[in-house]
Amino acid sequence: MRKLLSFLILSLLTLVVVHAQFDQMIQPAKMEHVVIKQFEDDGLAHFSYAVHVDDQMYLVDPGRNPQPYYDYAQSVNANIIGVINTHPHADFVSSHLEIHQTKGATIFVSELVGAGYPHQAFDEGDVIEMPKGVRLKAIHTPGHSPDGISIIVEENGKDVAVFTGDTLFIGDVGRPDLRESVGNIMAQREELAKMMYFSTREKLMLLDEDVIVYPAHGAGSLCGKAISAEKSSTIGQEKLTNYALQEMSEEEFVALLLKDQPFIPKYFPFNVDINKEGAPAYQASKLGVNRLDKNHPVTEGVKIIDGRNQELYKTSHLPDAINIMNGAKFETWLGSLIAPETAYYLVAESKESLEELISKAAKIGYEPFIKGAFVYNDQGGERMDFFDQKSFDANPEAFTIIDIRNAGEVAEGKIFEQAINIPLPELADRVGEIPTNKPIVVHCGTGYRSAAGSSIIQNALKTFQVLDMSSFILEYK
C-alpha cells in the first residue's frame, strides 16, 4: 500500500511538473512596443492585420474594403506606409492596390508573384525596419502557393510573432491544390505538398515556441480542411496539437495533406488573377453596379441570385432564381455556384439588404458581373411547397432524400441512411441522377445550403415536388 501511495504521489507530481512546463512553453511572447491589431471577416473566415509602432503602420493581407484599416489608423494616429501580401489570395480580393493609390503605401510582395502593380520585392532575408528596434522579416514558405511568404515580427532582437498567411493555420496547414492552373508560377498539388513539408519543418517549426502565430484564415475557410476556431496560437502549441506538424515522413505528410480536401469554388482562380494585377477601387466599383427599380423585369437566360430569406423565396420568386440567402456564407456560395464573368441579377428584400449583398459580391470581385440589382416583393411569382415535418416523420420512405453536404461531411456520418449524396457545388450538373418517382427532400447540415440546393433542383425539375428540409434537420442530429 505504501509503495502504491508513493507511486501515485510521484505520478501526480510528475503531472504537475509536466503541466507547468506545458503552460510555460505555450505562453505567447510579450511585445513591448509593437502593436498588432487583428481584423476578422466572418463571411470569408479571413484575418488581416495592422502592425504599428508609434505612427508607422503596415497592413498584412488586407481585404477588399480598405475603410476599416483607414479608420483604425486614424484612431491610433498612425500612417499606413506599407501593405504586405503573403501571396495572391484565392478566396477574397485584396485592397492593396487601392491603398497604394490612396495612401501612397508601398506594396511588399514576393518577386515570384510576378505582380502587375507597383511593388517592392519582399523575399527570404528581406527586412523592413520600424521604430524602436522592431523589424519585419520575410521568409519563403511555399506549400499553399509556390510564391507564399511568412512575415516574422522581431522586437529587440527576439522573434515575437509570425504572420503565416495560408501556410500555417491554427490546427491545420493550407491546402496545396489551388495553383495547378493559375498564377505566375503553377505547381502540381504533390509538388506543393512537399514544399509545405519543408516550409513547416525547416522554417516555421524552428521558430521559438512562444512566437505567436497569426494566420490569414480561421474556421470555415475553404483554404484548409480542419482549421480551428481559435484566432491565434503559438508555434509551441501548434507543434503539440496541429495534426500536420506531428512527426511523420514526407511521403506520409503528402498523403495526409492531399486526403479529403474540400471542393474548389469556381471563383478561386479568378481571385488569384485579380490579386496578381490589383483590383479597382472598392467604393467606386460598387457604385458602378446598376440599381434597378423594384420588381424590374429580367432578361431571359440571365441567371438570378435571390438573396432573400427562404420563406419569402418559397412564397414568391422569379423563374429559375437560385436562393442563396443573405447569410454568413453568401459570397462563398455565390462564387461557388456562379462562374466568373457570368452575368447575373441580384435580388433582395430591401434596399439595405441589397447594398449588403453588393458589398459581399465585391469581396470576391463579382460586382462587375451584376447585370442589375433590385428589390423584389411581387407576390405573383413562382412558388415552392414548404416542408411538412409531420408528413415526413410519418413515412420517410415516401420521399427521395438528397444530402447536399460535402463528401467529407457525409463520411463523418449520414443523417438518413437512404439519402443520396450530391454535394451542392456539383448539384446543377448532376440533377439528372435524382429519381423522380417520389417527392424530393433536400437537406444539408444547418439549413442554409438546402435553400440553394432545393431551388436548383426545383428549377431543373419544374413539374416535381421539391421540399427544403431547412433547419428541421437539427432535430434529427
Protein backbone atom coordinates (compact mmCIF):
# COMPACT_ATOMS: atom_id res chain seq x y z
CA MET A 1 0.00 0.00 0.00
CA ARG A 2 2.83 2.38 0.90
CA LYS A 3 4.54 1.67 -2.43
CA LEU A 4 1.27 2.28 -4.28
CA LEU A 5 0.73 5.55 -2.41
CA SER A 6 4.28 6.67 -3.18
CA PHE A 7 3.77 5.80 -6.86
CA LEU A 8 0.53 7.80 -7.02
CA ILE A 9 2.13 10.81 -5.35
CA LEU A 10 5.10 10.66 -7.73
CA SER A 11 2.78 10.37 -10.71
CA LEU A 12 0.77 13.35 -9.51
CA LEU A 13 3.90 15.43 -9.02
CA THR A 14 5.11 14.45 -12.47
CA LEU A 15 1.80 15.57 -13.98
CA VAL A 16 2.01 18.87 -12.15
CA VAL A 17 5.54 19.48 -13.41
CA VAL A 18 4.64 18.50 -16.98
CA HIS A 19 1.55 20.71 -16.86
CA ALA A 20 3.61 23.63 -15.56
CA GLN A 21 6.16 23.09 -18.32
CA PHE A 22 3.37 22.86 -20.88
CA ASP A 23 1.82 26.11 -19.68
CA GLN A 24 5.18 27.84 -19.68
CA MET A 25 6.00 26.59 -23.16
CA ILE A 26 2.87 27.86 -24.87
CA GLN A 27 2.70 31.27 -23.23
CA PRO A 28 2.79 33.82 -26.07
CA ALA A 29 5.73 36.16 -26.39
CA LYS A 30 5.29 39.61 -24.87
CA MET A 31 5.59 42.70 -27.05
CA GLU A 32 6.84 45.95 -25.60
CA HIS A 33 6.48 48.45 -28.43
CA VAL A 34 4.84 46.79 -31.42
CA VAL A 35 1.03 46.62 -31.55
CA ILE A 36 -0.79 44.05 -33.68
CA LYS A 37 -4.47 44.52 -34.50
CA GLN A 38 -6.41 41.61 -35.97
CA PHE A 39 -9.36 42.27 -38.31
CA GLU A 40 -11.88 39.47 -38.93
CA ASP A 41 -14.28 38.97 -41.82
CA ASP A 42 -16.72 36.29 -40.67
CA GLY A 43 -18.19 35.69 -44.12
CA LEU A 44 -14.87 34.60 -45.60
CA ALA A 45 -13.24 33.49 -42.34
CA HIS A 46 -10.47 35.92 -43.23
CA PHE A 47 -7.98 37.52 -40.86
CA SER A 48 -5.99 40.62 -41.79
CA TYR A 49 -3.67 42.68 -39.63
CA ALA A 50 -2.31 46.10 -38.83
CA VAL A 51 1.19 46.21 -37.32
CA HIS A 52 2.26 49.53 -35.90
CA VAL A 53 4.94 51.17 -33.81
CA ASP A 54 4.37 54.82 -32.91
CA ASP A 55 2.98 56.46 -36.07
CA GLN A 56 4.17 53.84 -38.58
CA MET A 57 1.70 51.17 -39.70
CA TYR A 58 1.92 48.21 -42.07
CA LEU A 59 -1.05 46.12 -43.17
CA VAL A 60 -0.89 42.39 -43.81
CA ASP A 61 -3.27 40.66 -46.26
CA PRO A 62 -5.99 43.36 -46.29
CA GLY A 63 -9.49 42.58 -47.56
CA ARG A 64 -11.38 44.35 -50.36
CA ASN A 65 -12.77 47.22 -48.28
CA PRO A 66 -9.92 49.45 -47.10
CA GLN A 67 -12.07 51.68 -44.87
CA PRO A 68 -11.70 49.64 -41.62
CA TYR A 69 -7.92 50.00 -41.91
CA TYR A 70 -8.16 53.73 -42.56
CA ASP A 71 -10.45 54.15 -39.56
CA TYR A 72 -8.14 52.19 -37.30
CA ALA A 73 -5.04 54.07 -38.44
CA GLN A 74 -6.78 57.35 -37.70
CA SER A 75 -7.88 56.14 -34.26
CA VAL A 76 -4.26 55.44 -33.23
CA ASN A 77 -2.76 58.43 -35.05
CA ALA A 78 -0.73 56.25 -37.41
CA ASN A 79 0.11 56.44 -41.11
CA ILE A 80 -0.25 53.41 -43.36
CA ILE A 81 3.13 53.32 -45.06
CA GLY A 82 3.17 49.73 -46.33
CA VAL A 83 1.00 46.76 -47.32
CA ILE A 84 2.38 43.22 -47.26
CA ASN A 85 0.67 40.37 -49.10
CA THR A 86 1.74 36.86 -48.16
CA HIS A 87 0.61 35.59 -51.59
CA PRO A 88 -2.13 36.22 -54.20
CA HIS A 89 -5.16 35.02 -52.26
CA ALA A 90 -7.73 32.80 -53.96
CA ASP A 91 -10.74 33.34 -51.71
CA PHE A 92 -11.00 37.12 -51.50
CA VAL A 93 -9.96 40.25 -53.34
CA SER A 94 -7.35 42.43 -51.62
CA SER A 95 -7.31 46.24 -51.49
CA HIS A 96 -3.51 46.55 -51.69
CA LEU A 97 -3.52 48.49 -54.96
CA GLU A 98 -6.21 50.90 -53.80
CA ILE A 99 -4.35 51.54 -50.53
CA HIS A 100 -1.20 52.23 -52.53
CA GLN A 101 -3.05 54.66 -54.79
CA THR A 102 -4.91 56.37 -51.94
CA LYS A 103 -2.30 56.48 -49.18
CA GLY A 104 0.93 56.16 -51.14
CA ALA A 105 1.75 52.97 -49.21
CA THR A 106 4.44 50.71 -50.63
CA ILE A 107 3.24 47.21 -51.54
CA PHE A 108 5.57 44.40 -50.46
CA VAL A 109 5.18 41.00 -52.08
CA SER A 110 7.38 38.14 -53.24
CA GLU A 111 9.00 38.70 -56.59
CA LEU A 112 7.79 35.21 -57.52
CA VAL A 113 4.21 36.55 -57.72
CA GLY A 114 5.01 38.44 -60.93
CA ALA A 115 2.80 41.25 -59.67
CA GLY A 116 1.34 43.62 -62.24
CA TYR A 117 1.24 46.60 -59.86
CA PRO A 118 3.98 48.82 -58.40
CA HIS A 119 5.68 46.92 -55.60
CA GLN A 120 8.86 46.22 -53.71
CA ALA A 121 10.17 42.67 -53.64
CA PHE A 122 9.93 41.10 -50.19
CA ASP A 123 11.57 37.70 -50.13
CA GLU A 124 13.73 35.45 -47.95
CA GLY A 125 16.10 37.61 -45.89
CA ASP A 126 14.48 40.95 -46.73
CA VAL A 127 13.74 43.20 -43.75
CA ILE A 128 11.51 46.20 -43.07
CA GLU A 129 12.88 48.41 -40.29
CA MET A 130 10.38 50.02 -37.91
CA PRO A 131 10.96 52.31 -34.92
CA LYS A 132 12.18 51.10 -31.51
CA GLY A 133 14.02 48.02 -32.68
CA VAL A 134 11.06 46.38 -34.45
CA ARG A 135 11.74 44.55 -37.71
CA LEU A 136 9.51 42.69 -40.17
CA LYS A 137 11.42 39.81 -41.79
CA ALA A 138 10.31 37.79 -44.80
CA ILE A 139 10.81 34.03 -45.11
CA HIS A 140 9.80 31.97 -48.13
CA THR A 141 7.16 29.43 -47.04
CA PRO A 142 5.66 27.80 -50.15
CA GLY A 143 3.17 24.96 -49.90
CA HIS A 144 -0.24 26.54 -50.24
CA SER A 145 1.19 28.58 -53.08
CA PRO A 146 4.66 28.49 -54.67
CA ASP A 147 5.09 32.24 -54.03
CA GLY A 148 3.99 32.30 -50.40
CA ILE A 149 5.90 34.15 -47.70
CA SER A 150 5.52 34.47 -43.94
CA ILE A 151 6.46 37.61 -42.03
CA ILE A 152 8.30 37.37 -38.72
CA VAL A 153 7.94 40.24 -36.27
CA GLU A 154 11.16 40.85 -34.35
CA GLU A 155 11.40 43.16 -31.34
CA ASN A 156 14.70 43.97 -29.62
CA GLY A 157 16.40 41.08 -31.37
CA LYS A 158 13.75 38.47 -30.43
CA ASP A 159 11.13 36.91 -32.72
CA VAL A 160 7.73 37.58 -31.12
CA ALA A 161 5.14 36.84 -33.82
CA VAL A 162 4.75 35.46 -37.33
CA PHE A 163 2.11 36.15 -39.97
CA THR A 164 1.79 32.81 -41.71
CA GLY A 165 -0.69 33.68 -44.47
CA ASP A 166 -2.19 30.46 -45.82
CA THR A 167 0.83 28.31 -44.98
CA LEU A 168 0.14 27.57 -41.30
CA PHE A 169 -3.33 27.81 -39.81
CA ILE A 170 -4.41 27.12 -36.27
CA GLY A 171 -4.79 23.33 -36.22
CA ASP A 172 -4.11 22.94 -39.93
CA VAL A 173 -1.97 23.95 -42.91
CA GLY A 174 -3.01 25.44 -46.23
CA ARG A 175 -4.37 23.23 -48.98
CA PRO A 176 -1.87 22.55 -51.80
CA ASP A 177 -4.26 22.13 -54.73
CA LEU A 178 -5.14 25.68 -55.79
CA ARG A 179 -2.24 26.63 -58.02
CA GLU A 180 -2.22 23.93 -60.67
CA SER A 181 -3.61 26.17 -63.41
CA VAL A 182 -3.32 29.78 -62.27
CA GLY A 183 -0.74 32.35 -61.18
CA ASN A 184 2.69 33.45 -62.33
CA ILE A 185 4.06 30.12 -61.09
CA MET A 186 1.95 26.97 -61.34
CA ALA A 187 2.69 23.76 -59.44
CA GLN A 188 1.06 20.37 -59.04
CA ARG A 189 -0.51 19.57 -55.69
CA GLU A 190 2.02 16.83 -54.88
CA GLU A 191 4.88 19.25 -55.50
CA LEU A 192 3.28 21.91 -53.32
CA ALA A 193 2.56 19.39 -50.56
CA LYS A 194 6.26 18.56 -50.49
CA MET A 195 7.04 22.27 -50.29
CA MET A 196 4.65 22.54 -47.35
CA TYR A 197 6.51 19.76 -45.56
CA PHE A 198 9.74 21.72 -45.95
CA SER A 199 8.18 25.08 -45.01
CA THR A 200 6.74 23.74 -41.80
CA ARG A 201 9.68 21.57 -40.71
CA GLU A 202 12.60 23.71 -41.87
CA LYS A 203 11.16 27.19 -41.40
CA LEU A 204 8.17 27.72 -39.13
CA MET A 205 8.71 24.90 -36.62
CA LEU A 206 12.24 26.16 -35.98
CA LEU A 207 10.93 29.42 -34.53
CA ASP A 208 10.84 29.83 -30.75
CA GLU A 209 7.86 28.08 -29.21
CA ASP A 210 6.44 31.30 -27.71
CA VAL A 211 6.26 33.04 -31.10
CA ILE A 212 2.63 33.99 -31.74
CA VAL A 213 1.05 32.56 -34.90
CA TYR A 214 -1.29 34.89 -36.81
CA PRO A 215 -2.85 33.13 -39.84
CA ALA A 216 -4.82 34.63 -42.72
CA HIS A 217 -7.86 32.40 -42.15
CA GLY A 218 -9.92 30.78 -39.44
CA ALA A 219 -12.56 28.06 -39.12
CA GLY A 220 -14.88 27.87 -42.12
CA SER A 221 -12.34 28.88 -44.74
CA LEU A 222 -12.03 26.62 -47.78
CA CYS A 223 -8.28 27.27 -47.86
CA GLY A 224 -7.84 24.46 -45.31
CA LYS A 225 -9.73 21.36 -44.23
CA ALA A 226 -9.56 21.31 -40.42
CA ILE A 227 -8.93 24.88 -39.26
CA SER A 228 -9.51 25.54 -35.56
CA ALA A 229 -11.91 28.16 -34.24
CA GLU A 230 -9.03 29.79 -32.36
CA LYS A 231 -7.85 33.05 -33.87
CA SER A 232 -4.18 32.83 -32.91
CA SER A 233 -1.79 30.38 -31.31
CA THR A 234 1.91 29.84 -30.69
CA ILE A 235 4.49 27.78 -32.50
CA GLY A 236 4.76 25.54 -29.41
CA GLN A 237 1.01 24.98 -29.24
CA GLU A 238 0.83 24.12 -32.92
CA LYS A 239 3.72 21.67 -32.65
CA LEU A 240 1.78 19.92 -29.90
CA THR A 241 -1.72 19.91 -31.36
CA ASN A 242 -1.67 20.56 -35.12
CA TYR A 243 -2.13 17.23 -36.95
CA ALA A 244 0.06 18.41 -39.83
CA LEU A 245 3.03 19.24 -37.60
CA GLN A 246 3.36 15.84 -35.96
CA GLU A 247 6.30 13.57 -36.65
CA MET A 248 5.92 11.78 -39.97
CA SER A 249 7.81 11.18 -43.19
CA GLU A 250 7.45 13.44 -46.20
CA GLU A 251 5.55 10.68 -48.00
CA GLU A 252 3.13 10.28 -45.10
CA PHE A 253 2.67 14.05 -44.89
CA VAL A 254 1.88 14.39 -48.60
CA ALA A 255 -0.70 11.58 -48.46
CA LEU A 256 -2.32 13.06 -45.35
CA LEU A 257 -2.43 16.58 -46.73
CA LEU A 258 -3.96 15.59 -50.06
CA LYS A 259 -6.68 13.49 -48.44
CA ASP A 260 -10.21 14.88 -48.05
CA GLN A 261 -9.55 18.43 -49.22
CA PRO A 262 -12.79 20.37 -49.78
CA PHE A 263 -14.08 21.37 -53.21
CA ILE A 264 -12.53 24.30 -55.07
CA PRO A 265 -15.03 27.14 -55.64
CA LYS A 266 -15.30 28.43 -59.19
CA TYR A 267 -14.10 31.89 -58.24
CA PHE A 268 -10.77 30.87 -56.65
CA PRO A 269 -8.57 31.01 -59.81
CA PHE A 270 -10.28 34.27 -60.80
CA ASN A 271 -9.35 35.90 -57.48
CA VAL A 272 -5.72 34.78 -57.78
CA ASP A 273 -5.55 36.62 -61.11
CA ILE A 274 -7.24 39.75 -59.75
CA ASN A 275 -4.88 39.89 -56.78
CA LYS A 276 -1.88 39.41 -59.04
CA GLU A 277 -2.84 42.52 -61.04
CA GLY A 278 -4.66 44.58 -58.39
CA ALA A 279 -8.38 45.29 -58.03
CA PRO A 280 -10.26 48.51 -58.87
CA ALA A 281 -11.24 50.84 -56.02
CA TYR A 282 -13.89 49.28 -53.80
CA GLN A 283 -16.49 52.06 -53.42
CA ALA A 284 -16.22 53.28 -57.00
CA SER A 285 -16.69 49.76 -58.33
CA LYS A 286 -19.74 49.20 -56.14
CA LEU A 287 -21.26 52.50 -57.30
CA GLY A 288 -20.96 51.20 -60.86
CA VAL A 289 -23.50 48.45 -60.19
CA ASN A 290 -26.79 49.11 -61.99
CA ARG A 291 -29.54 49.58 -59.38
CA LEU A 292 -32.93 48.90 -60.94
CA ASP A 293 -36.50 49.71 -59.94
CA LYS A 294 -38.37 47.37 -57.62
CA ASN A 295 -39.61 44.16 -59.32
CA HIS A 296 -37.75 45.05 -62.51
CA PRO A 297 -38.39 42.69 -65.46
CA VAL A 298 -35.42 40.43 -66.15
CA THR A 299 -33.79 39.36 -69.38
CA GLU A 300 -34.46 35.73 -70.24
CA GLY A 301 -31.42 33.49 -69.94
CA VAL A 302 -29.60 35.65 -67.39
CA LYS A 303 -29.01 33.96 -64.04
CA ILE A 304 -30.82 35.34 -60.99
CA ILE A 305 -29.47 35.22 -57.45
CA ASP A 306 -32.22 35.70 -54.88
CA GLY A 307 -30.66 36.68 -51.55
CA ARG A 308 -33.92 36.83 -49.61
CA ASN A 309 -34.93 34.61 -46.71
CA GLN A 310 -36.07 31.16 -47.81
CA GLU A 311 -39.64 31.73 -46.60
CA LEU A 312 -40.00 34.79 -48.84
CA TYR A 313 -38.43 32.93 -51.74
CA LYS A 314 -40.79 29.96 -51.43
CA THR A 315 -43.81 32.24 -51.24
CA SER A 316 -42.93 34.07 -54.46
CA HIS A 317 -39.82 34.24 -56.64
CA LEU A 318 -38.67 34.89 -60.18
CA PRO A 319 -38.47 31.88 -62.51
CA ASP A 320 -35.17 29.94 -62.25
CA ALA A 321 -33.82 32.13 -59.44
CA ILE A 322 -31.28 30.48 -57.12
CA ASN A 323 -31.93 31.15 -53.44
CA ILE A 324 -28.55 32.00 -51.86
CA MET A 325 -29.70 33.64 -48.66
CA ASN A 326 -28.01 36.73 -47.29
CA GLY A 327 -26.07 34.93 -44.59
CA ALA A 328 -22.55 34.35 -43.35
CA LYS A 329 -21.50 32.39 -46.45
CA PHE A 330 -23.29 34.28 -49.22
CA GLU A 331 -20.11 35.33 -51.02
CA THR A 332 -18.61 31.84 -50.85
CA TRP A 333 -21.66 30.21 -52.40
CA LEU A 334 -22.15 32.97 -54.94
CA GLY A 335 -18.62 32.30 -56.19
CA SER A 336 -19.11 28.53 -55.97
CA LEU A 337 -22.33 28.32 -57.97
CA ILE A 338 -21.78 31.16 -60.45
CA ALA A 339 -18.70 31.07 -62.67
CA PRO A 340 -16.63 34.26 -63.11
CA GLU A 341 -17.67 36.53 -65.99
CA THR A 342 -21.25 35.17 -65.80
CA ALA A 343 -23.86 37.94 -65.85
CA TYR A 344 -26.49 37.72 -63.12
CA TYR A 345 -29.27 39.69 -61.48
CA LEU A 346 -29.11 40.28 -57.74
CA VAL A 347 -32.40 40.33 -55.83
CA ALA A 348 -33.03 41.34 -52.21
CA GLU A 349 -35.96 42.04 -49.90
CA SER A 350 -34.96 45.64 -49.07
CA LYS A 351 -32.60 48.37 -50.23
CA GLU A 352 -30.44 47.84 -47.15
CA SER A 353 -30.12 44.13 -47.82
CA LEU A 354 -29.41 44.80 -51.50
CA GLU A 355 -26.48 47.08 -50.64
CA GLU A 356 -25.15 44.45 -48.24
CA LEU A 357 -25.29 41.79 -50.96
CA ILE A 358 -23.48 44.06 -53.43
CA SER A 359 -20.75 44.60 -50.82
CA LYS A 360 -20.43 40.86 -50.30
CA ALA A 361 -20.24 40.23 -54.04
CA ALA A 362 -17.46 42.83 -54.22
CA LYS A 363 -15.39 40.92 -51.66
CA ILE A 364 -14.79 38.28 -54.33
CA GLY A 365 -14.70 40.68 -57.28
CA TYR A 366 -18.16 39.73 -58.59
CA GLU A 367 -19.71 43.20 -58.62
CA PRO A 368 -18.90 43.90 -62.33
CA PHE A 369 -20.94 40.84 -63.36
CA ILE A 370 -24.19 42.14 -61.82
CA LYS A 371 -26.47 42.96 -64.76
CA GLY A 372 -28.88 44.65 -62.39
CA ALA A 373 -29.72 44.75 -58.69
CA PHE A 374 -33.20 45.35 -57.37
CA VAL A 375 -35.68 44.77 -54.57
CA TYR A 376 -38.28 42.06 -55.20
CA ASN A 377 -41.61 41.81 -53.34
CA ASP A 378 -44.02 40.74 -56.09
CA GLN A 379 -46.47 38.20 -54.71
CA GLY A 380 -47.33 36.80 -58.13
CA GLY A 381 -44.15 34.89 -58.81
CA GLU A 382 -43.40 31.17 -58.71
CA ARG A 383 -43.81 29.20 -55.50
CA MET A 384 -42.32 26.18 -53.76
CA ASP A 385 -44.05 23.87 -51.32
CA PHE A 386 -42.98 24.06 -47.69
CA PHE A 387 -41.57 21.02 -45.90
CA ASP A 388 -44.05 19.30 -43.58
CA GLN A 389 -42.16 17.57 -40.81
CA LYS A 390 -45.13 15.54 -39.60
CA SER A 391 -45.73 14.04 -43.04
CA PHE A 392 -42.04 13.24 -43.37
CA ASP A 393 -41.78 11.68 -39.91
CA ALA A 394 -44.84 9.52 -40.59
CA ASN A 395 -43.21 7.88 -43.61
CA PRO A 396 -39.64 8.94 -44.56
CA GLU A 397 -39.52 6.12 -47.12
CA ALA A 398 -42.11 8.00 -49.19
CA PHE A 399 -39.50 10.62 -50.10
CA THR A 400 -36.29 10.73 -52.08
CA ILE A 401 -33.78 12.38 -49.75
CA ILE A 402 -30.91 14.37 -51.26
CA ASP A 403 -28.00 15.13 -48.94
CA ILE A 404 -26.10 18.11 -50.42
CA ARG A 405 -23.29 18.18 -47.84
CA ASN A 406 -19.70 17.69 -48.94
CA ALA A 407 -18.34 14.15 -49.15
CA GLY A 408 -16.14 14.73 -46.09
CA GLU A 409 -19.17 15.69 -44.00
CA VAL A 410 -21.08 12.63 -45.13
CA ALA A 411 -18.09 10.40 -44.32
CA GLU A 412 -18.36 11.57 -40.71
CA GLY A 413 -21.90 10.25 -40.56
CA LYS A 414 -25.09 10.06 -42.57
CA ILE A 415 -28.23 11.58 -41.06
CA PHE A 416 -30.53 9.46 -43.26
CA GLU A 417 -29.11 6.15 -44.44
CA GLN A 418 -31.22 6.11 -47.61
CA ALA A 419 -30.11 9.61 -48.64
CA ILE A 420 -28.39 10.21 -51.97
CA ASN A 421 -25.32 12.40 -51.59
CA ILE A 422 -24.79 15.05 -54.29
CA PRO A 423 -22.67 17.94 -52.93
CA LEU A 424 -24.11 21.39 -53.60
CA PRO A 425 -21.27 22.53 -55.91
CA GLU A 426 -22.00 19.52 -58.17
CA LEU A 427 -25.77 19.66 -57.96
CA ALA A 428 -26.59 21.64 -61.11
CA ASP A 429 -24.60 19.18 -63.25
CA ARG A 430 -25.99 16.07 -61.55
CA VAL A 431 -29.71 16.77 -61.22
CA GLY A 432 -30.32 14.03 -63.79
CA GLU A 433 -29.19 11.45 -61.23
CA ILE A 434 -32.11 12.24 -58.91
CA PRO A 435 -35.02 9.74 -59.07
CA THR A 436 -38.36 11.44 -59.66
CA ASN A 437 -40.75 8.69 -58.56
CA LYS A 438 -41.22 10.31 -55.13
CA PRO A 439 -41.31 13.84 -53.71
CA ILE A 440 -37.75 15.12 -53.24
CA VAL A 441 -36.50 16.36 -49.87
CA VAL A 442 -33.22 18.30 -49.72
CA HIS A 443 -31.08 18.59 -46.59
CA CYS A 444 -27.66 19.86 -45.57
CA GLY A 445 -26.23 20.45 -42.10
CA THR A 446 -27.91 23.59 -40.77
CA GLY A 447 -30.45 24.54 -43.43
CA TYR A 448 -28.50 27.33 -45.15
CA ARG A 449 -27.27 25.37 -48.18
CA SER A 450 -30.52 23.45 -48.60
CA ALA A 451 -32.27 26.68 -49.65
CA ALA A 452 -29.91 27.00 -52.60
CA GLY A 453 -29.91 23.27 -53.32
CA SER A 454 -33.68 22.88 -53.34
CA SER A 455 -34.07 25.92 -55.61
CA ILE A 456 -31.55 24.47 -58.08
CA ILE A 457 -33.38 21.13 -58.19
CA GLN A 458 -36.80 22.78 -58.46
CA ASN A 459 -35.59 24.94 -61.37
CA ALA A 460 -34.41 21.81 -63.20
CA LEU A 461 -37.36 19.55 -62.31
CA LYS A 462 -40.17 22.04 -62.63
CA THR A 463 -43.10 19.61 -62.52
CA PHE A 464 -41.90 17.63 -59.49
CA GLN A 465 -42.38 18.43 -55.83
CA VAL A 466 -39.13 19.56 -54.19
CA LEU A 467 -39.04 20.26 -50.46
CA ASP A 468 -36.40 22.07 -48.46
CA MET A 469 -35.90 20.43 -45.05
CA SER A 470 -34.20 23.64 -43.93
CA SER A 471 -33.41 23.90 -40.21
CA PHE A 472 -35.62 20.91 -39.37
CA ILE A 473 -32.53 18.78 -39.87
CA LEU A 474 -31.28 19.94 -36.46
CA GLU A 475 -33.96 17.82 -34.83
CA TYR A 476 -32.55 14.66 -36.40
CA LYS A 477 -28.98 15.18 -35.22
